[in-house]
Amino acid sequence: MSIYPPDLELYVQQKIASGEFQSAEQFAAVAARLYRRLERRRDELKASIDAGLAELDAGDCAPLDIEAIKAELIAELDLNQA
C-alpha cells in the first residue's frame, strides 16, 4: 500500500527507477527535510516582513531611491555575469 496519492505515486516510482532515490521511504525523508527547510525560510521571511511593517508603522523608513536601487541591481548583474 502506498502512502502517496495516485498522482504522486508515479512520480515517486519514476524517481526510484531513475536511481535518484533508493526507496519511497528515502524520498519521503528528503521531502520532509525540504519541507522543514521551506517552513523555516517562510518563518524568516514573515519575521522580516513583520519587522519592516513595524518600522513603517513607527515612521522609521525613508522613501525609496529607485535610481539607486536600479544601479545596485545592474552592478550585481554585472558581477554575476563576469
Protein backbone atom coordinates (compact mmCIF):
# COMPACT_ATOMS: atom_id res chain seq x y z
CA MET A 1 0.00 0.00 0.00
CA SER A 2 1.33 3.40 -0.99
CA ILE A 3 1.31 6.46 1.23
CA TYR A 4 1.20 8.67 -1.86
CA PRO A 5 -1.88 9.72 -3.81
CA PRO A 6 -2.01 8.25 -7.32
CA ASP A 7 -0.73 11.41 -9.00
CA LEU A 8 2.42 11.36 -6.85
CA GLU A 9 2.93 7.61 -6.75
CA LEU A 10 4.00 7.51 -10.41
CA TYR A 11 6.38 10.43 -9.85
CA VAL A 12 7.99 8.75 -6.83
CA GLN A 13 8.32 5.46 -8.69
CA GLN A 14 9.98 7.27 -11.62
CA LYS A 15 12.49 8.87 -9.26
CA ILE A 16 13.27 5.47 -7.73
CA ALA A 17 13.58 3.83 -11.17
CA SER A 18 15.99 6.56 -12.30
CA GLY A 19 18.23 5.81 -9.34
CA GLU A 20 17.77 9.24 -7.81
CA PHE A 21 16.24 7.59 -4.73
CA GLN A 22 16.59 4.06 -3.43
CA SER A 23 13.12 3.78 -1.90
CA ALA A 24 9.86 5.58 -1.28
CA GLU A 25 10.94 5.98 2.35
CA GLN A 26 14.12 7.79 1.28
CA PHE A 27 12.06 10.03 -1.00
CA ALA A 28 9.69 10.83 1.89
CA ALA A 29 12.60 11.63 4.22
CA VAL A 30 14.15 14.01 1.70
CA ALA A 31 10.76 15.62 1.05
CA ALA A 32 10.20 16.10 4.79
CA ARG A 33 13.64 17.72 5.22
CA LEU A 34 12.97 20.07 2.31
CA TYR A 35 9.56 20.96 3.71
CA ARG A 36 11.09 21.72 7.10
CA ARG A 37 13.66 23.99 5.40
CA LEU A 38 10.85 25.69 3.47
CA GLU A 39 8.90 26.29 6.68
CA ARG A 40 11.96 27.82 8.36
CA ARG A 41 12.55 30.11 5.38
CA ARG A 42 8.87 31.11 5.38
CA ASP A 43 9.10 31.95 9.09
CA GLU A 44 12.25 34.03 8.48
CA LEU A 45 10.56 35.94 5.66
CA LYS A 46 7.44 36.52 7.74
CA ALA A 47 9.55 37.87 10.61
CA SER A 48 11.38 40.15 8.20
CA ILE A 49 8.12 41.42 6.74
CA ASP A 50 6.67 41.97 10.21
CA ALA A 51 9.78 43.92 11.23
CA GLY A 52 9.53 46.05 8.11
CA LEU A 53 5.87 46.75 8.70
CA ALA A 54 6.61 47.72 12.30
CA GLU A 55 9.27 50.17 11.06
CA LEU A 56 6.78 51.56 8.58
CA ASP A 57 4.13 51.97 11.29
CA ALA A 58 6.67 53.73 13.51
CA GLY A 59 7.69 56.08 10.69
CA ASP A 60 11.24 54.68 10.67
CA CYS A 61 11.58 54.40 6.91
CA ALA A 62 12.88 56.58 4.14
CA PRO A 63 11.47 56.98 0.63
CA LEU A 64 12.83 54.56 -1.93
CA ASP A 65 15.54 55.84 -4.26
CA ILE A 66 14.57 53.96 -7.41
CA GLU A 67 17.63 55.10 -9.34
CA ALA A 68 19.97 53.84 -6.60
CA ILE A 69 18.12 50.53 -6.49
CA LYS A 70 18.41 50.13 -10.27
CA ALA A 71 22.12 50.97 -10.17
CA GLU A 72 22.68 48.42 -7.40
CA LEU A 73 20.85 45.71 -9.32
CA ILE A 74 22.73 46.47 -12.54
CA ALA A 75 26.04 46.29 -10.66
CA GLU A 76 25.01 42.98 -9.13
CA LEU A 77 24.04 41.59 -12.54
CA ASP A 78 27.37 42.73 -13.98
CA LEU A 79 29.24 40.91 -11.20
CA ASN A 80 27.25 37.72 -11.75
CA GLN A 81 27.90 37.78 -15.50
CA ALA A 82 31.63 38.32 -15.13
